[in-house]
Amino acid sequence: MVENTINERLLQFRKNLSKCVNVTTKQYTNKELILSYTPIKKRIGFITYGKAFIIKTDIDGNTTIMRELKENDIFSNLFFQNSEDEIYIISNEYTEVTFIDYNSTLKNCHLNCPFHTNLVVQLFELLIEDNRQQNEKIELLSKRSVREKLIFFLKRRTNKDNIFKVTTSYKAIAEYIAVDRSNLMRELNKMEKEGLIKKEGRIIKMYI
């Protein structure tokens, strides 16, 4: 019932949004390129359903997951243009994306509707969230040891009961915190033996 309500709200939002800006929808299979930077075609989009990763590849070919995108998250290649590295978005499962024409968001809406204003507000929120994500990434990468990175990562994602649920994979987590998966699993096992965490399947309970 709740899921149906959310889907209805998304459909209504898309319907109203298309009255004042150009909107297109596209489906992607798993591991398919959704968006990369181009100075000519500026795009804004949001995940209708599914998941995707913002991925960075440096000049040495090293790949890092910068951020996970899930349903209702908004993104844009406008924020890729100042990076020396290649940044792109790739689907992590079957994913649907709604794209909003960037140029039409800059024009005054002839209908003077609240949805256009809400879109601009959401874009500002995206800037704030993107800045927060980047600051977190910088702080994370400043940690020297695997344990420091792992604790930093987990503490910012546990719920009020200090529980973290692995929704992607340990390989994805390892890539995000820039360590080898084997080193990540080794450190998790050490922390569990020391009583700092407890693993039960894809659930991690923290005691620190």
N, C-alpha and C. Protein backbone atom coordinates (compact mmCIF):
# COMPACT_ATOMS: atom_id res chain seq x y z
N MET A 1 0.83 -1.20 0.00
CA MET A 1 0.00 0.00 0.00
C MET A 1 0.87 1.26 0.00
N VAL A 2 1.90 1.27 0.88
CA VAL A 2 2.79 2.43 0.93
C VAL A 2 3.55 2.59 -0.37
N GLU A 3 4.03 1.45 -0.93
CA GLU A 3 4.79 1.49 -2.19
C GLU A 3 3.92 2.03 -3.32
N ASN A 4 2.64 1.61 -3.36
CA ASN A 4 1.74 2.09 -4.40
C ASN A 4 1.52 3.59 -4.28
N THR A 5 1.41 4.09 -3.03
CA THR A 5 1.22 5.52 -2.80
C THR A 5 2.42 6.31 -3.31
N ILE A 6 3.62 5.81 -3.02
CA ILE A 6 4.84 6.47 -3.48
C ILE A 6 4.90 6.50 -5.01
N ASN A 7 4.56 5.37 -5.64
CA ASN A 7 4.58 5.30 -7.10
C ASN A 7 3.57 6.27 -7.71
N GLU A 8 2.39 6.39 -7.07
CA GLU A 8 1.37 7.32 -7.55
C GLU A 8 1.85 8.76 -7.46
N ARG A 9 2.54 9.08 -6.36
CA ARG A 9 3.07 10.43 -6.18
C ARG A 9 4.14 10.74 -7.22
N LEU A 10 4.99 9.73 -7.53
CA LEU A 10 6.03 9.92 -8.54
C LEU A 10 5.40 10.17 -9.91
N LEU A 11 4.39 9.37 -10.25
CA LEU A 11 3.72 9.53 -11.54
C LEU A 11 3.06 10.90 -11.64
N GLN A 12 2.44 11.34 -10.54
CA GLN A 12 1.80 12.65 -10.54
C GLN A 12 2.82 13.76 -10.67
N PHE A 13 3.97 13.59 -10.00
CA PHE A 13 5.03 14.58 -10.07
C PHE A 13 5.54 14.70 -11.50
N ARG A 14 5.79 13.56 -12.14
CA ARG A 14 6.28 13.56 -13.52
C ARG A 14 5.26 14.18 -14.47
N LYS A 15 3.98 13.89 -14.23
CA LYS A 15 2.94 14.43 -15.08
C LYS A 15 2.87 15.95 -14.98
N ASN A 16 2.93 16.46 -13.76
CA ASN A 16 2.87 17.91 -13.56
C ASN A 16 4.15 18.60 -14.04
N LEU A 17 5.28 17.92 -13.83
CA LEU A 17 6.56 18.50 -14.23
C LEU A 17 6.64 18.68 -15.73
N SER A 18 6.08 17.72 -16.46
CA SER A 18 6.15 17.77 -17.92
C SER A 18 5.32 18.90 -18.52
N LYS A 19 4.51 19.56 -17.68
CA LYS A 19 3.72 20.69 -18.18
C LYS A 19 4.60 21.90 -18.46
N CYS A 20 5.71 22.02 -17.70
CA CYS A 20 6.50 23.24 -17.84
C CYS A 20 7.95 22.98 -18.25
N VAL A 21 8.43 21.75 -18.20
CA VAL A 21 9.78 21.43 -18.68
C VAL A 21 9.72 20.15 -19.50
N ASN A 22 10.72 19.97 -20.36
CA ASN A 22 10.77 18.78 -21.20
C ASN A 22 11.28 17.59 -20.39
N VAL A 23 10.52 16.50 -20.39
CA VAL A 23 10.84 15.32 -19.59
C VAL A 23 10.87 14.09 -20.49
N THR A 24 11.89 13.25 -20.32
CA THR A 24 11.97 11.97 -21.03
C THR A 24 12.31 10.88 -20.02
N THR A 25 11.91 9.66 -20.32
CA THR A 25 12.17 8.52 -19.43
C THR A 25 12.87 7.41 -20.21
N LYS A 26 13.87 6.79 -19.57
CA LYS A 26 14.62 5.73 -20.23
C LYS A 26 14.93 4.61 -19.24
N GLN A 27 14.90 3.39 -19.74
CA GLN A 27 15.22 2.22 -18.91
C GLN A 27 16.62 1.71 -19.23
N TYR A 28 17.29 1.21 -18.19
CA TYR A 28 18.66 0.69 -18.35
C TYR A 28 18.75 -0.70 -17.72
N THR A 29 19.50 -1.57 -18.38
CA THR A 29 19.78 -2.88 -17.81
C THR A 29 20.92 -2.74 -16.80
N ASN A 30 21.25 -3.82 -16.11
CA ASN A 30 22.32 -3.78 -15.11
C ASN A 30 23.67 -3.46 -15.75
N LYS A 31 24.43 -2.59 -15.09
CA LYS A 31 25.79 -2.20 -15.52
C LYS A 31 25.80 -1.44 -16.85
N GLU A 32 24.75 -0.71 -17.14
CA GLU A 32 24.68 0.08 -18.37
C GLU A 32 24.96 1.55 -18.06
N LEU A 33 25.70 2.20 -18.96
CA LEU A 33 26.02 3.61 -18.78
C LEU A 33 24.76 4.47 -18.86
N ILE A 34 24.56 5.29 -17.84
CA ILE A 34 23.42 6.20 -17.80
C ILE A 34 23.81 7.61 -18.23
N LEU A 35 24.94 8.08 -17.71
CA LEU A 35 25.31 9.47 -17.96
C LEU A 35 26.80 9.68 -17.77
N SER A 36 27.39 10.49 -18.62
CA SER A 36 28.78 10.92 -18.46
C SER A 36 28.82 12.42 -18.77
N TYR A 37 29.99 13.02 -18.61
CA TYR A 37 30.06 14.48 -18.84
C TYR A 37 30.23 14.82 -20.31
N THR A 38 29.46 15.77 -20.75
CA THR A 38 29.64 16.37 -22.07
C THR A 38 29.32 17.85 -21.94
N PRO A 39 30.19 18.73 -22.45
CA PRO A 39 29.94 20.17 -22.32
C PRO A 39 28.76 20.64 -23.16
N ILE A 40 28.32 19.82 -24.10
CA ILE A 40 27.25 20.22 -25.01
C ILE A 40 25.88 19.85 -24.44
N LYS A 41 25.75 18.62 -23.95
CA LYS A 41 24.45 18.13 -23.49
C LYS A 41 24.42 18.06 -21.97
N LYS A 42 23.88 19.09 -21.33
CA LYS A 42 23.75 19.13 -19.88
C LYS A 42 22.44 18.47 -19.49
N ARG A 43 22.51 17.52 -18.56
CA ARG A 43 21.32 16.76 -18.22
C ARG A 43 21.10 16.69 -16.72
N ILE A 44 19.85 16.66 -16.33
CA ILE A 44 19.43 16.48 -14.95
C ILE A 44 18.48 15.28 -14.95
N GLY A 45 18.62 14.42 -13.97
CA GLY A 45 17.74 13.26 -13.93
C GLY A 45 17.46 12.81 -12.51
N PHE A 46 16.48 11.94 -12.36
CA PHE A 46 16.26 11.30 -11.08
C PHE A 46 15.86 9.84 -11.31
N ILE A 47 16.21 9.02 -10.33
CA ILE A 47 15.93 7.59 -10.42
C ILE A 47 14.46 7.35 -10.11
N THR A 48 13.73 6.85 -11.09
CA THR A 48 12.33 6.50 -10.86
C THR A 48 12.24 5.20 -10.06
N TYR A 49 13.03 4.20 -10.47
CA TYR A 49 13.21 3.01 -9.65
C TYR A 49 14.54 2.36 -10.04
N GLY A 50 15.06 1.55 -9.13
CA GLY A 50 16.36 0.92 -9.36
C GLY A 50 17.46 1.61 -8.59
N LYS A 51 18.71 1.29 -8.93
CA LYS A 51 19.88 1.87 -8.26
C LYS A 51 20.98 2.12 -9.29
N ALA A 52 21.87 3.06 -8.94
CA ALA A 52 23.00 3.37 -9.83
C ALA A 52 24.16 3.88 -8.98
N PHE A 53 25.35 3.88 -9.58
CA PHE A 53 26.54 4.38 -8.91
C PHE A 53 27.11 5.56 -9.69
N ILE A 54 27.60 6.57 -8.96
CA ILE A 54 28.46 7.59 -9.56
C ILE A 54 29.88 7.08 -9.40
N ILE A 55 30.58 6.90 -10.50
CA ILE A 55 31.90 6.27 -10.50
C ILE A 55 32.95 7.21 -11.07
N LYS A 56 34.12 7.21 -10.43
CA LYS A 56 35.24 8.03 -10.89
C LYS A 56 36.38 7.12 -11.32
N THR A 57 36.97 7.41 -12.47
CA THR A 57 38.15 6.70 -12.94
C THR A 57 39.27 7.71 -13.16
N ASP A 58 40.39 7.53 -12.45
CA ASP A 58 41.48 8.50 -12.57
C ASP A 58 42.37 8.17 -13.77
N ILE A 59 43.40 8.98 -13.99
CA ILE A 59 44.25 8.83 -15.17
C ILE A 59 45.03 7.52 -15.16
N ASP A 60 45.17 6.89 -13.98
CA ASP A 60 45.86 5.61 -13.88
C ASP A 60 44.93 4.43 -14.04
N GLY A 61 43.66 4.71 -14.27
CA GLY A 61 42.69 3.64 -14.46
C GLY A 61 42.07 3.11 -13.18
N ASN A 62 42.36 3.75 -12.04
CA ASN A 62 41.78 3.31 -10.77
C ASN A 62 40.33 3.79 -10.67
N THR A 63 39.44 2.86 -10.31
CA THR A 63 38.01 3.16 -10.25
C THR A 63 37.53 3.24 -8.81
N THR A 64 36.74 4.28 -8.52
CA THR A 64 36.21 4.48 -7.18
C THR A 64 34.73 4.80 -7.26
N ILE A 65 33.92 4.15 -6.40
CA ILE A 65 32.51 4.48 -6.29
C ILE A 65 32.38 5.73 -5.43
N MET A 66 31.89 6.81 -6.01
CA MET A 66 31.77 8.06 -5.29
C MET A 66 30.47 8.16 -4.50
N ARG A 67 29.41 7.57 -5.06
CA ARG A 67 28.11 7.69 -4.41
C ARG A 67 27.13 6.69 -5.00
N GLU A 68 26.24 6.18 -4.16
CA GLU A 68 25.16 5.32 -4.63
C GLU A 68 23.90 6.16 -4.81
N LEU A 69 23.24 5.97 -5.94
CA LEU A 69 21.98 6.64 -6.21
C LEU A 69 20.86 5.62 -6.11
N LYS A 70 19.80 5.99 -5.42
CA LYS A 70 18.64 5.10 -5.29
C LYS A 70 17.38 5.85 -5.70
N GLU A 71 16.25 5.19 -5.56
CA GLU A 71 14.98 5.76 -6.00
C GLU A 71 14.76 7.16 -5.43
N ASN A 72 14.38 8.08 -6.32
CA ASN A 72 14.09 9.49 -6.02
C ASN A 72 15.33 10.37 -5.90
N ASP A 73 16.54 9.81 -5.97
CA ASP A 73 17.75 10.64 -5.93
C ASP A 73 17.91 11.39 -7.25
N ILE A 74 18.30 12.65 -7.15
CA ILE A 74 18.48 13.49 -8.34
C ILE A 74 19.97 13.63 -8.63
N PHE A 75 20.34 13.70 -9.90
CA PHE A 75 21.74 13.82 -10.28
C PHE A 75 21.86 14.66 -11.54
N SER A 76 23.08 15.10 -11.85
CA SER A 76 23.32 15.88 -13.05
C SER A 76 24.79 15.79 -13.44
N ASN A 77 25.07 15.81 -14.74
CA ASN A 77 26.46 15.82 -15.18
C ASN A 77 27.05 17.23 -15.14
N LEU A 78 26.26 18.22 -14.66
CA LEU A 78 26.78 19.57 -14.49
C LEU A 78 27.93 19.60 -13.48
N PHE A 79 27.90 18.64 -12.54
CA PHE A 79 28.88 18.63 -11.47
C PHE A 79 30.13 17.82 -11.83
N PHE A 80 30.19 17.30 -13.06
CA PHE A 80 31.35 16.52 -13.48
C PHE A 80 32.39 17.37 -14.20
N GLN A 81 32.01 18.58 -14.60
CA GLN A 81 32.81 19.34 -15.56
C GLN A 81 34.14 19.84 -15.01
N ASN A 82 34.26 20.04 -13.69
CA ASN A 82 35.51 20.57 -13.13
C ASN A 82 36.47 19.49 -12.65
N SER A 83 36.15 18.25 -12.92
CA SER A 83 36.99 17.14 -12.47
C SER A 83 38.00 16.75 -13.55
N GLU A 84 39.23 16.47 -13.11
CA GLU A 84 40.26 16.00 -14.04
C GLU A 84 40.08 14.52 -14.35
N ASP A 85 39.30 13.83 -13.51
CA ASP A 85 39.06 12.41 -13.70
C ASP A 85 37.78 12.20 -14.52
N GLU A 86 37.64 10.98 -15.04
CA GLU A 86 36.42 10.64 -15.76
C GLU A 86 35.35 10.24 -14.73
N ILE A 87 34.22 10.90 -14.78
CA ILE A 87 33.12 10.60 -13.85
C ILE A 87 31.88 10.24 -14.67
N TYR A 88 31.24 9.16 -14.27
CA TYR A 88 30.06 8.72 -15.00
C TYR A 88 29.12 7.98 -14.06
N ILE A 89 27.90 7.75 -14.53
CA ILE A 89 26.89 7.06 -13.75
C ILE A 89 26.52 5.78 -14.46
N ILE A 90 26.50 4.68 -13.71
CA ILE A 90 26.20 3.37 -14.28
C ILE A 90 25.14 2.69 -13.43
N SER A 91 24.21 1.99 -14.07
CA SER A 91 23.15 1.32 -13.34
C SER A 91 23.70 0.14 -12.55
N ASN A 92 23.08 -0.15 -11.41
CA ASN A 92 23.50 -1.27 -10.57
C ASN A 92 22.46 -2.38 -10.56
N GLU A 93 21.39 -2.19 -11.30
CA GLU A 93 20.36 -3.19 -11.52
C GLU A 93 19.45 -2.62 -12.60
N TYR A 94 18.37 -3.31 -12.90
CA TYR A 94 17.44 -2.74 -13.88
C TYR A 94 16.91 -1.42 -13.31
N THR A 95 17.11 -0.34 -14.05
CA THR A 95 16.86 1.00 -13.51
C THR A 95 16.13 1.87 -14.52
N GLU A 96 15.20 2.67 -14.02
CA GLU A 96 14.52 3.64 -14.86
C GLU A 96 14.89 5.04 -14.41
N VAL A 97 15.19 5.90 -15.36
CA VAL A 97 15.61 7.27 -15.07
C VAL A 97 14.72 8.25 -15.83
N THR A 98 14.29 9.29 -15.14
CA THR A 98 13.56 10.38 -15.78
C THR A 98 14.52 11.56 -15.93
N PHE A 99 14.70 12.02 -17.15
CA PHE A 99 15.59 13.14 -17.44
C PHE A 99 14.77 14.42 -17.63
N ILE A 100 15.32 15.52 -17.10
CA ILE A 100 14.70 16.84 -17.20
C ILE A 100 15.61 17.72 -18.05
N ASP A 101 15.04 18.40 -19.01
CA ASP A 101 15.83 19.27 -19.87
C ASP A 101 16.39 20.45 -19.07
N TYR A 102 17.71 20.60 -19.07
CA TYR A 102 18.37 21.62 -18.26
C TYR A 102 17.97 23.03 -18.68
N ASN A 103 17.98 23.30 -19.97
CA ASN A 103 17.70 24.65 -20.46
C ASN A 103 16.28 25.11 -20.11
N SER A 104 15.33 24.17 -20.11
CA SER A 104 13.95 24.55 -19.81
C SER A 104 13.76 24.89 -18.35
N THR A 105 14.66 24.41 -17.48
CA THR A 105 14.54 24.75 -16.06
C THR A 105 14.98 26.18 -15.79
N LEU A 106 15.78 26.75 -16.69
CA LEU A 106 16.27 28.11 -16.51
C LEU A 106 15.27 29.16 -16.97
N LYS A 107 14.31 28.73 -17.77
CA LYS A 107 13.33 29.68 -18.31
C LYS A 107 12.18 29.86 -17.33
N ASN A 108 11.57 31.01 -17.37
CA ASN A 108 10.37 31.24 -16.56
C ASN A 108 9.23 30.38 -17.08
N CYS A 109 8.54 29.73 -16.15
CA CYS A 109 7.43 28.86 -16.55
C CYS A 109 6.24 29.71 -16.99
N HIS A 110 5.73 29.46 -18.19
CA HIS A 110 4.61 30.25 -18.69
C HIS A 110 3.32 29.97 -17.92
N LEU A 111 3.30 28.84 -17.19
CA LEU A 111 2.12 28.51 -16.40
C LEU A 111 2.22 29.02 -14.96
N ASN A 112 3.43 29.53 -14.61
CA ASN A 112 3.67 30.02 -13.25
C ASN A 112 3.28 28.97 -12.21
N CYS A 113 3.64 27.71 -12.47
CA CYS A 113 3.23 26.62 -11.60
C CYS A 113 4.25 26.38 -10.48
N PRO A 114 3.80 25.82 -9.35
CA PRO A 114 4.71 25.60 -8.21
C PRO A 114 5.72 24.50 -8.48
N PHE A 115 5.46 23.62 -9.45
CA PHE A 115 6.35 22.50 -9.71
C PHE A 115 7.69 22.96 -10.28
N HIS A 116 7.65 24.02 -11.06
CA HIS A 116 8.89 24.56 -11.60
C HIS A 116 9.76 25.13 -10.47
N THR A 117 9.12 25.84 -9.56
CA THR A 117 9.84 26.38 -8.40
C THR A 117 10.41 25.26 -7.55
N ASN A 118 9.63 24.19 -7.35
CA ASN A 118 10.10 23.05 -6.57
C ASN A 118 11.32 22.40 -7.21
N LEU A 119 11.34 22.37 -8.53
CA LEU A 119 12.48 21.79 -9.23
C LEU A 119 13.75 22.57 -8.94
N VAL A 120 13.65 23.89 -8.98
CA VAL A 120 14.80 24.75 -8.69
C VAL A 120 15.27 24.52 -7.25
N VAL A 121 14.33 24.40 -6.33
CA VAL A 121 14.66 24.13 -4.92
C VAL A 121 15.40 22.80 -4.79
N GLN A 122 14.91 21.80 -5.51
CA GLN A 122 15.55 20.48 -5.46
C GLN A 122 16.97 20.53 -6.01
N LEU A 123 17.19 21.37 -7.01
CA LEU A 123 18.53 21.48 -7.57
C LEU A 123 19.49 22.10 -6.57
N PHE A 124 19.01 23.08 -5.80
CA PHE A 124 19.84 23.65 -4.74
C PHE A 124 20.14 22.60 -3.67
N GLU A 125 19.13 21.79 -3.35
CA GLU A 125 19.34 20.72 -2.37
C GLU A 125 20.37 19.71 -2.89
N LEU A 126 20.34 19.48 -4.20
CA LEU A 126 21.31 18.59 -4.81
C LEU A 126 22.72 19.13 -4.65
N LEU A 127 22.89 20.43 -4.86
CA LEU A 127 24.19 21.06 -4.68
C LEU A 127 24.70 20.88 -3.25
N ILE A 128 23.80 21.07 -2.29
CA ILE A 128 24.18 20.92 -0.88
C ILE A 128 24.55 19.46 -0.59
N GLU A 129 23.74 18.53 -1.09
CA GLU A 129 24.01 17.11 -0.84
C GLU A 129 25.30 16.68 -1.53
N ASP A 130 25.50 17.16 -2.75
CA ASP A 130 26.73 16.81 -3.47
C ASP A 130 27.95 17.32 -2.73
N ASN A 131 27.86 18.53 -2.19
CA ASN A 131 28.97 19.09 -1.42
C ASN A 131 29.23 18.27 -0.16
N ARG A 132 28.15 17.84 0.51
CA ARG A 132 28.29 17.01 1.71
C ARG A 132 28.96 15.68 1.37
N GLN A 133 28.52 15.09 0.26
CA GLN A 133 29.09 13.80 -0.16
C GLN A 133 30.58 13.94 -0.47
N GLN A 134 30.93 15.02 -1.14
CA GLN A 134 32.33 15.21 -1.51
C GLN A 134 33.19 15.46 -0.27
N ASN A 135 32.67 16.24 0.69
CA ASN A 135 33.41 16.49 1.92
C ASN A 135 33.61 15.21 2.72
N GLU A 136 32.56 14.38 2.74
CA GLU A 136 32.67 13.09 3.43
C GLU A 136 33.72 12.22 2.76
N LYS A 137 33.73 12.23 1.42
CA LYS A 137 34.69 11.41 0.69
C LYS A 137 36.12 11.86 0.97
N ILE A 138 36.33 13.17 1.01
CA ILE A 138 37.66 13.70 1.29
C ILE A 138 38.11 13.29 2.69
N GLU A 139 37.19 13.41 3.66
CA GLU A 139 37.53 13.02 5.04
C GLU A 139 37.79 11.53 5.14
N LEU A 140 37.01 10.74 4.43
CA LEU A 140 37.18 9.29 4.43
C LEU A 140 38.55 8.90 3.89
N LEU A 141 38.92 9.48 2.76
CA LEU A 141 40.19 9.13 2.12
C LEU A 141 41.40 9.66 2.89
N SER A 142 41.15 10.59 3.82
CA SER A 142 42.25 11.08 4.66
C SER A 142 42.61 10.10 5.77
N LYS A 143 41.71 9.13 6.04
CA LYS A 143 42.00 8.12 7.05
C LYS A 143 43.08 7.18 6.53
N ARG A 144 44.02 6.83 7.38
CA ARG A 144 45.19 6.07 6.92
C ARG A 144 44.97 4.56 6.88
N SER A 145 44.30 4.02 7.90
CA SER A 145 44.17 2.56 7.98
C SER A 145 42.81 2.09 7.47
N VAL A 146 42.74 0.81 7.14
CA VAL A 146 41.48 0.22 6.70
C VAL A 146 40.44 0.33 7.81
N ARG A 147 40.86 0.10 9.05
CA ARG A 147 39.93 0.16 10.17
C ARG A 147 39.37 1.57 10.35
N GLU A 148 40.21 2.58 10.26
CA GLU A 148 39.74 3.96 10.40
C GLU A 148 38.72 4.31 9.32
N LYS A 149 39.01 3.90 8.09
CA LYS A 149 38.08 4.15 6.98
C LYS A 149 36.76 3.41 7.20
N LEU A 150 36.86 2.17 7.63
CA LEU A 150 35.67 1.34 7.82
C LEU A 150 34.78 1.88 8.93
N ILE A 151 35.40 2.25 10.05
CA ILE A 151 34.62 2.80 11.17
C ILE A 151 33.96 4.12 10.76
N PHE A 152 34.70 4.96 10.05
CA PHE A 152 34.15 6.24 9.57
C PHE A 152 32.94 5.98 8.68
N PHE A 153 33.08 5.03 7.76
CA PHE A 153 32.00 4.69 6.83
C PHE A 153 30.78 4.16 7.57
N LEU A 154 30.98 3.21 8.47
CA LEU A 154 29.87 2.57 9.16
C LEU A 154 29.14 3.52 10.09
N LYS A 155 29.89 4.34 10.83
CA LYS A 155 29.26 5.23 11.81
C LYS A 155 28.32 6.24 11.17
N ARG A 156 28.57 6.58 9.92
CA ARG A 156 27.71 7.55 9.24
C ARG A 156 26.53 6.89 8.54
N ARG A 157 26.43 5.57 8.68
CA ARG A 157 25.34 4.86 8.00
C ARG A 157 24.55 3.93 8.90
N THR A 158 24.93 3.82 10.15
CA THR A 158 24.16 2.99 11.07
C THR A 158 22.90 3.72 11.52
N ASN A 159 21.87 2.95 11.86
CA ASN A 159 20.64 3.56 12.35
C ASN A 159 20.75 3.84 13.84
N LYS A 160 19.64 4.22 14.47
CA LYS A 160 19.66 4.58 15.89
C LYS A 160 20.04 3.41 16.79
N ASP A 161 19.91 2.19 16.26
CA ASP A 161 20.29 0.99 17.02
C ASP A 161 21.70 0.53 16.68
N ASN A 162 22.47 1.40 15.99
CA ASN A 162 23.85 1.09 15.59
C ASN A 162 23.94 -0.13 14.67
N ILE A 163 22.95 -0.25 13.80
CA ILE A 163 22.91 -1.37 12.85
C ILE A 163 23.07 -0.84 11.44
N PHE A 164 23.93 -1.50 10.67
CA PHE A 164 24.15 -1.17 9.26
C PHE A 164 23.78 -2.38 8.42
N LYS A 165 22.95 -2.17 7.40
CA LYS A 165 22.56 -3.25 6.50
C LYS A 165 23.27 -3.09 5.17
N VAL A 166 23.97 -4.12 4.74
CA VAL A 166 24.68 -4.11 3.46
C VAL A 166 23.65 -4.28 2.35
N THR A 167 23.35 -3.21 1.64
CA THR A 167 22.33 -3.25 0.59
C THR A 167 22.94 -3.47 -0.80
N THR A 168 24.25 -3.27 -0.93
CA THR A 168 24.90 -3.49 -2.23
C THR A 168 25.75 -4.75 -2.14
N SER A 169 27.02 -4.61 -1.89
CA SER A 169 27.94 -5.74 -1.73
C SER A 169 29.17 -5.26 -0.97
N TYR A 170 29.90 -6.21 -0.40
CA TYR A 170 31.14 -5.84 0.29
C TYR A 170 32.18 -5.33 -0.70
N LYS A 171 32.11 -5.82 -1.92
CA LYS A 171 33.02 -5.34 -2.96
C LYS A 171 32.76 -3.86 -3.24
N ALA A 172 31.47 -3.47 -3.30
CA ALA A 172 31.12 -2.08 -3.53
C ALA A 172 31.57 -1.19 -2.37
N ILE A 173 31.43 -1.69 -1.14
CA ILE A 173 31.89 -0.94 0.02
C ILE A 173 33.40 -0.76 -0.02
N ALA A 174 34.11 -1.82 -0.37
CA ALA A 174 35.57 -1.76 -0.46
C ALA A 174 36.00 -0.73 -1.49
N GLU A 175 35.33 -0.70 -2.63
CA GLU A 175 35.65 0.28 -3.67
C GLU A 175 35.36 1.69 -3.19
N TYR A 176 34.26 1.86 -2.47
CA TYR A 176 33.88 3.20 -1.99
C TYR A 176 34.91 3.74 -1.00
N ILE A 177 35.42 2.89 -0.09
CA ILE A 177 36.39 3.37 0.90
C ILE A 177 37.83 3.18 0.42
N ALA A 178 37.99 2.76 -0.85
CA ALA A 178 39.30 2.67 -1.51
C ALA A 178 40.24 1.68 -0.83
N VAL A 179 39.74 0.46 -0.59
CA VAL A 179 40.59 -0.63 -0.08
C VAL A 179 40.27 -1.89 -0.85
N ASP A 180 41.14 -2.90 -0.75
CA ASP A 180 40.87 -4.19 -1.38
C ASP A 180 39.77 -4.91 -0.61
N ARG A 181 38.95 -5.67 -1.32
CA ARG A 181 37.87 -6.40 -0.67
C ARG A 181 38.42 -7.39 0.36
N SER A 182 39.53 -8.04 0.04
CA SER A 182 40.13 -9.01 0.97
C SER A 182 40.56 -8.31 2.27
N ASN A 183 41.13 -7.10 2.15
CA ASN A 183 41.53 -6.34 3.34
C ASN A 183 40.31 -5.90 4.14
N LEU A 184 39.25 -5.55 3.44
CA LEU A 184 38.01 -5.16 4.12
C LEU A 184 37.46 -6.32 4.93
N MET A 185 37.35 -7.50 4.32
CA MET A 185 36.79 -8.66 5.01
C MET A 185 37.69 -9.09 6.16
N ARG A 186 38.99 -8.98 5.97
CA ARG A 186 39.93 -9.33 7.04
C ARG A 186 39.74 -8.41 8.24
N GLU A 187 39.56 -7.11 7.96
CA GLU A 187 39.39 -6.14 9.05
C GLU A 187 38.05 -6.34 9.75
N LEU A 188 37.01 -6.66 9.00
CA LEU A 188 35.71 -6.94 9.60
C LEU A 188 35.79 -8.14 10.53
N ASN A 189 36.51 -9.17 10.10
CA ASN A 189 36.67 -10.37 10.93
C ASN A 189 37.45 -10.06 12.21
N LYS A 190 38.49 -9.23 12.08
CA LYS A 190 39.28 -8.84 13.25
C LYS A 190 38.42 -8.06 14.23
N MET A 191 37.64 -7.12 13.71
CA MET A 191 36.79 -6.30 14.57
C MET A 191 35.73 -7.14 15.26
N GLU A 192 35.25 -8.17 14.56
CA GLU A 192 34.26 -9.05 15.18
C GLU A 192 34.88 -9.87 16.31
N LYS A 193 36.09 -10.37 16.10
CA LYS A 193 36.78 -11.14 17.13
C LYS A 193 37.08 -10.28 18.36
N GLU A 194 37.31 -8.98 18.13
CA GLU A 194 37.61 -8.06 19.23
C GLU A 194 36.34 -7.54 19.91
N GLY A 195 35.18 -7.95 19.40
CA GLY A 195 33.92 -7.54 20.01
C GLY A 195 33.47 -6.15 19.64
N LEU A 196 34.06 -5.58 18.58
CA LEU A 196 33.70 -4.22 18.17
C LEU A 196 32.44 -4.21 17.29
N ILE A 197 32.24 -5.32 16.57
CA ILE A 197 31.06 -5.46 15.73
C ILE A 197 30.57 -6.90 15.79
N LYS A 198 29.38 -7.11 15.25
CA LYS A 198 28.85 -8.47 15.09
C LYS A 198 28.19 -8.56 13.74
N LYS A 199 28.58 -9.57 12.95
CA LYS A 199 28.03 -9.75 11.62
C LYS A 199 27.02 -10.90 11.63
N GLU A 200 25.88 -10.65 11.03
CA GLU A 200 24.87 -11.68 10.84
C GLU A 200 24.33 -11.54 9.42
N GLY A 201 24.90 -12.31 8.52
CA GLY A 201 24.52 -12.18 7.11
C GLY A 201 24.93 -10.83 6.58
N ARG A 202 23.94 -10.05 6.14
CA ARG A 202 24.21 -8.72 5.58
C ARG A 202 23.96 -7.61 6.60
N ILE A 203 23.87 -7.99 7.88
CA ILE A 203 23.66 -7.04 8.95
C ILE A 203 24.93 -6.91 9.80
N ILE A 204 25.34 -5.66 10.07
CA ILE A 204 26.48 -5.40 10.93
C ILE A 204 26.03 -4.56 12.12
N LYS A 205 26.23 -5.08 13.31
CA LYS A 205 25.90 -4.36 14.53
C LYS A 205 27.18 -3.81 15.13
N MET A 206 27.20 -2.51 15.41
CA MET A 206 28.40 -1.86 15.95
C MET A 206 28.29 -1.68 17.46
N TYR A 207 29.43 -1.86 18.15
CA TYR A 207 29.48 -1.69 19.60
C TYR A 207 30.50 -0.63 19.99
N ILE A 208 30.86 0.23 19.04
CA ILE A 208 31.83 1.29 19.31
C ILE A 208 31.25 2.65 18.92
